[in-house]
């Protein structure tokens, strides 16, 4: 029975138009605005302790973030293809993981599917939930939102929905626009390369980072892609790769072009030495991407952990040791590239990203063994 005091409080709030923050208490002790979100806490605890383990914005987090985009982008505002963030990339893994653009996504399948099978959550929700949680392992990220209630795919997304690193800026922007994402949102999403690496562009090695700080969500990625390329970190002549400015660092052809094309170069440069802009635009674009093609969702953002703060040493962009403003390939015609200090010390060699053990498994890059119904999963 409700007390008279509670009824009076509710009545007073109603009379004066004050919103009452009603919260549900989960069986595990946490409180949330929507009781349906309680189902996520056992999933959160499991993946934090057993999937990401001691991964501090490393390979496991990178894999979870990458597959979220590859799944969600299977959507069109204009054509009857796919249902967006619908889990199809895993549900129909033996089909979608044969697509060239999804090379390497087998790592995420091996990492995540054992956990999907343990919990009562849609495949679609799990992929985006794991990616959202992965972001909270990375210093510099703003608190990411999470929506729950995605409906799993009934058919695979068609080939060609995921942009490729060897494609032109115009081709990539057209595909992104078809999915409902603007040029500015596309550049914002590419900030994810600040916490990422390439395993399959160079077939001779794995774990080449895209910038010198791959475990920190900072603006160095946008600085270093604007520098003149002078070397390859491994073998040369790989499709979708161009020279980078720092030993051990890989540069995608598409990132190189986005930094220089008139359609995007000023959007790109706007992130340099502007952590707030980069973080806010990524937060917004990621939230939009993660619900493409999905409707009637529940806001479960209060389940998501708080990300660690950005270290003071990463708060300002710098030129890597031995590099100066003269190494910048200025592209934006309306604003000069910022003058940045050069970090002290010897020339960098960026170490390769250590590969997570959980990414090894029965699912191969050619799609073989990539069925959730397989006895191996």
Foldseek 3Di string as FASTA:
>chain_A
DDDPVVVVVVVVCVVVVNDDQDWDAAPVGDIFSDNVLSLCQVLVVCCPCPLCNPPLLFFSLQLLQVVLLVQQLLAFPVDPFDQGLALQCQQVVLPNLQAPLNQPNLLNLLRPLVSVVVGDFGNSQSSLVSNLLSVLSAALAAQAWGWGDHHHDPHHTDHDSRDDLQDAPVSVQVSCVRLVAHLLLVLLQCLLLLQHAAAPQDPVGGFQRQFQRNRHSFLRNLVFLQFDFDAAQDDDDGRQWDGGNAHSHTHGNNSNNQCAPQVRVVSSLVRAFPSPVSNVSNSVSSNVSSQRSHDDIHTSSVSHDHHHHGDPVRNGHAAEPPDAPVRGPDHHPPDGRDGHHYDDDDGDHRDGGDHDPSSDFQQHSNSGPSHSPDPRD
